[in-house]
Amino acid sequence: MRIFDIMESILIHPESAEQLKTVKAFLKALNIQFEPQPNTLPPHVLKGIEESIKQHESGQTISLKEFKEKHLSNK
């Protein structure tokens, strides 16, 4: 005898604004509750991206070949 059914949640990854709009309309039409979640990155990731952009703008870059030699070579 089942006392209750365990429900599960799904996480959907639309690839365009049009897909997102369509999925939301579909869920609303079926009267399925959903909670939009902002797609944000953690502060430490945003800080790293900002630092990398500044390094690139100031010319502090190396080629892929240089990177491989420096970080991936068998020493």
N, C-alpha and C. Protein backbone atom coordinates (compact mmCIF):
# COMPACT_ATOMS: atom_id res chain seq x y z
N MET A 1 0.84 -1.18 0.00
CA MET A 1 0.00 0.00 0.00
C MET A 1 0.88 1.24 0.00
N ARG A 2 0.62 2.16 -0.92
CA ARG A 2 1.38 3.40 -1.01
C ARG A 2 0.70 4.50 -0.23
N ILE A 3 1.46 5.13 0.64
CA ILE A 3 0.91 6.24 1.39
C ILE A 3 0.92 7.50 0.54
N PHE A 4 2.00 7.69 -0.21
CA PHE A 4 2.10 8.86 -1.08
C PHE A 4 3.08 8.56 -2.21
N ASP A 5 2.90 9.24 -3.30
CA ASP A 5 3.83 9.12 -4.43
C ASP A 5 4.91 10.18 -4.28
N ILE A 6 6.14 9.81 -4.52
CA ILE A 6 7.23 10.77 -4.46
C ILE A 6 7.33 11.45 -5.83
N MET A 7 7.20 12.76 -5.80
CA MET A 7 7.30 13.53 -7.03
C MET A 7 8.75 13.90 -7.25
N GLU A 8 9.08 14.18 -8.47
CA GLU A 8 10.43 14.64 -8.77
C GLU A 8 10.37 15.95 -9.53
N SER A 9 11.44 16.69 -9.48
CA SER A 9 11.55 17.94 -10.22
C SER A 9 12.43 17.70 -11.44
N ILE A 10 12.26 18.55 -12.43
CA ILE A 10 13.13 18.48 -13.60
C ILE A 10 13.75 19.85 -13.82
N LEU A 11 14.95 19.85 -14.33
CA LEU A 11 15.65 21.08 -14.67
C LEU A 11 15.75 21.12 -16.18
N ILE A 12 15.24 22.18 -16.78
CA ILE A 12 15.18 22.29 -18.24
C ILE A 12 16.21 23.32 -18.70
N HIS A 13 16.90 23.02 -19.79
CA HIS A 13 17.94 23.91 -20.32
C HIS A 13 17.58 24.35 -21.74
N PRO A 14 16.72 25.35 -21.87
CA PRO A 14 16.38 25.82 -23.23
C PRO A 14 17.61 26.45 -23.88
N GLU A 15 17.68 26.34 -25.19
CA GLU A 15 18.83 26.85 -25.94
C GLU A 15 18.56 28.20 -26.58
N SER A 16 17.36 28.71 -26.41
CA SER A 16 17.05 30.02 -26.98
C SER A 16 15.90 30.66 -26.20
N ALA A 17 15.74 31.96 -26.39
CA ALA A 17 14.64 32.67 -25.75
C ALA A 17 13.30 32.13 -26.23
N GLU A 18 13.22 31.74 -27.49
CA GLU A 18 11.98 31.19 -28.04
C GLU A 18 11.62 29.87 -27.37
N GLN A 19 12.61 29.00 -27.15
CA GLN A 19 12.35 27.73 -26.46
C GLN A 19 11.87 27.99 -25.04
N LEU A 20 12.51 28.92 -24.35
CA LEU A 20 12.11 29.25 -22.98
C LEU A 20 10.66 29.74 -22.94
N LYS A 21 10.32 30.62 -23.86
CA LYS A 21 8.96 31.15 -23.95
C LYS A 21 7.95 30.02 -24.19
N THR A 22 8.30 29.10 -25.08
CA THR A 22 7.41 27.98 -25.41
C THR A 22 7.22 27.04 -24.23
N VAL A 23 8.31 26.73 -23.53
CA VAL A 23 8.23 25.84 -22.37
C VAL A 23 7.37 26.47 -21.28
N LYS A 24 7.56 27.77 -21.02
CA LYS A 24 6.76 28.45 -20.01
C LYS A 24 5.28 28.44 -20.39
N ALA A 25 4.98 28.68 -21.64
CA ALA A 25 3.59 28.67 -22.10
C ALA A 25 2.98 27.28 -21.94
N PHE A 26 3.76 26.25 -22.25
CA PHE A 26 3.30 24.86 -22.13
C PHE A 26 2.99 24.53 -20.66
N LEU A 27 3.90 24.90 -19.77
CA LEU A 27 3.69 24.63 -18.35
C LEU A 27 2.47 25.37 -17.81
N LYS A 28 2.31 26.62 -18.23
CA LYS A 28 1.14 27.39 -17.80
C LYS A 28 -0.14 26.76 -18.32
N ALA A 29 -0.13 26.30 -19.58
CA ALA A 29 -1.32 25.69 -20.17
C ALA A 29 -1.73 24.42 -19.43
N LEU A 30 -0.75 23.68 -18.91
CA LEU A 30 -1.04 22.46 -18.17
C LEU A 30 -1.23 22.72 -16.67
N ASN A 31 -1.17 23.99 -16.30
CA ASN A 31 -1.31 24.39 -14.90
C ASN A 31 -0.27 23.72 -14.01
N ILE A 32 0.97 23.66 -14.52
CA ILE A 32 2.09 23.09 -13.77
C ILE A 32 2.87 24.24 -13.16
N GLN A 33 3.05 24.19 -11.85
CA GLN A 33 3.79 25.25 -11.17
C GLN A 33 5.28 25.15 -11.52
N PHE A 34 5.91 26.31 -11.69
CA PHE A 34 7.35 26.35 -11.92
C PHE A 34 7.91 27.62 -11.32
N GLU A 35 9.19 27.59 -11.06
CA GLU A 35 9.88 28.73 -10.45
C GLU A 35 11.05 29.14 -11.34
N PRO A 36 10.94 30.27 -12.01
CA PRO A 36 12.08 30.74 -12.82
C PRO A 36 13.28 31.02 -11.91
N GLN A 37 14.44 30.61 -12.34
CA GLN A 37 15.67 30.84 -11.58
C GLN A 37 16.64 31.64 -12.45
N PRO A 38 17.17 32.73 -11.91
CA PRO A 38 18.15 33.48 -12.70
C PRO A 38 19.40 32.63 -12.93
N ASN A 39 19.98 32.78 -14.08
CA ASN A 39 21.17 32.03 -14.44
C ASN A 39 22.39 32.87 -14.10
N THR A 40 22.84 32.80 -12.85
CA THR A 40 23.95 33.63 -12.40
C THR A 40 25.15 32.76 -12.03
N LEU A 41 26.32 33.35 -12.16
CA LEU A 41 27.55 32.66 -11.79
C LEU A 41 27.97 33.11 -10.40
N PRO A 42 28.68 32.26 -9.68
CA PRO A 42 29.15 32.64 -8.35
C PRO A 42 30.10 33.84 -8.44
N PRO A 43 30.16 34.66 -7.38
CA PRO A 43 31.00 35.86 -7.39
C PRO A 43 32.47 35.59 -7.73
N HIS A 44 33.03 34.46 -7.24
CA HIS A 44 34.44 34.19 -7.52
C HIS A 44 34.67 33.91 -9.01
N VAL A 45 33.69 33.33 -9.67
CA VAL A 45 33.81 33.08 -11.10
C VAL A 45 33.72 34.39 -11.87
N LEU A 46 32.77 35.26 -11.50
CA LEU A 46 32.65 36.56 -12.15
C LEU A 46 33.92 37.39 -11.97
N LYS A 47 34.52 37.32 -10.77
CA LYS A 47 35.76 38.05 -10.51
C LYS A 47 36.88 37.52 -11.41
N GLY A 48 36.98 36.21 -11.57
CA GLY A 48 38.00 35.61 -12.43
C GLY A 48 37.82 36.00 -13.88
N ILE A 49 36.59 36.05 -14.34
CA ILE A 49 36.30 36.46 -15.72
C ILE A 49 36.72 37.91 -15.93
N GLU A 50 36.35 38.76 -14.98
CA GLU A 50 36.69 40.18 -15.08
C GLU A 50 38.22 40.37 -15.11
N GLU A 51 38.93 39.64 -14.27
CA GLU A 51 40.39 39.73 -14.24
C GLU A 51 41.00 39.27 -15.56
N SER A 52 40.46 38.20 -16.11
CA SER A 52 40.97 37.68 -17.38
C SER A 52 40.74 38.66 -18.52
N ILE A 53 39.59 39.31 -18.53
CA ILE A 53 39.30 40.30 -19.57
C ILE A 53 40.29 41.46 -19.47
N LYS A 54 40.57 41.91 -18.25
CA LYS A 54 41.55 42.99 -18.06
C LYS A 54 42.93 42.57 -18.53
N GLN A 55 43.33 41.33 -18.24
CA GLN A 55 44.63 40.83 -18.69
C GLN A 55 44.69 40.81 -20.21
N HIS A 56 43.64 40.37 -20.84
CA HIS A 56 43.60 40.32 -22.30
C HIS A 56 43.71 41.71 -22.89
N GLU A 57 42.94 42.65 -22.33
CA GLU A 57 42.94 44.03 -22.84
C GLU A 57 44.31 44.70 -22.68
N SER A 58 45.07 44.29 -21.66
CA SER A 58 46.39 44.89 -21.44
C SER A 58 47.49 44.12 -22.16
N GLY A 59 47.11 43.11 -22.94
CA GLY A 59 48.09 42.37 -23.73
C GLY A 59 48.80 41.26 -22.97
N GLN A 60 48.33 40.92 -21.80
CA GLN A 60 48.95 39.85 -21.01
C GLN A 60 48.38 38.50 -21.44
N THR A 61 48.78 38.06 -22.61
CA THR A 61 48.28 36.80 -23.14
C THR A 61 49.45 35.94 -23.62
N ILE A 62 49.18 34.65 -23.75
CA ILE A 62 50.15 33.74 -24.35
C ILE A 62 49.40 32.88 -25.37
N SER A 63 50.14 32.30 -26.29
CA SER A 63 49.51 31.45 -27.30
C SER A 63 49.16 30.10 -26.69
N LEU A 64 48.32 29.35 -27.38
CA LEU A 64 47.95 28.01 -26.92
C LEU A 64 49.19 27.13 -26.85
N LYS A 65 50.08 27.27 -27.82
CA LYS A 65 51.31 26.49 -27.84
C LYS A 65 52.14 26.79 -26.59
N GLU A 66 52.30 28.08 -26.26
CA GLU A 66 53.05 28.46 -25.06
C GLU A 66 52.39 27.90 -23.80
N PHE A 67 51.08 27.95 -23.76
CA PHE A 67 50.34 27.42 -22.60
C PHE A 67 50.61 25.93 -22.43
N LYS A 68 50.51 25.20 -23.54
CA LYS A 68 50.74 23.75 -23.49
C LYS A 68 52.15 23.44 -23.02
N GLU A 69 53.14 24.18 -23.56
CA GLU A 69 54.53 23.96 -23.16
C GLU A 69 54.74 24.24 -21.68
N LYS A 70 54.09 25.29 -21.19
CA LYS A 70 54.27 25.71 -19.81
C LYS A 70 53.53 24.81 -18.82
N HIS A 71 52.31 24.42 -19.16
CA HIS A 71 51.46 23.74 -18.20
C HIS A 71 51.21 22.25 -18.45
N LEU A 72 51.43 21.79 -19.67
CA LEU A 72 51.07 20.42 -20.00
C LEU A 72 52.26 19.55 -20.41
N SER A 73 53.45 20.10 -20.38
CA SER A 73 54.60 19.32 -20.80
C SER A 73 54.95 18.29 -19.74
N ASN A 74 55.47 17.18 -20.17
CA ASN A 74 55.90 16.11 -19.24
C ASN A 74 57.29 16.47 -18.74
N LYS A 75 57.35 16.81 -17.48
CA LYS A 75 58.64 17.22 -16.90
C LYS A 75 59.27 16.09 -16.17
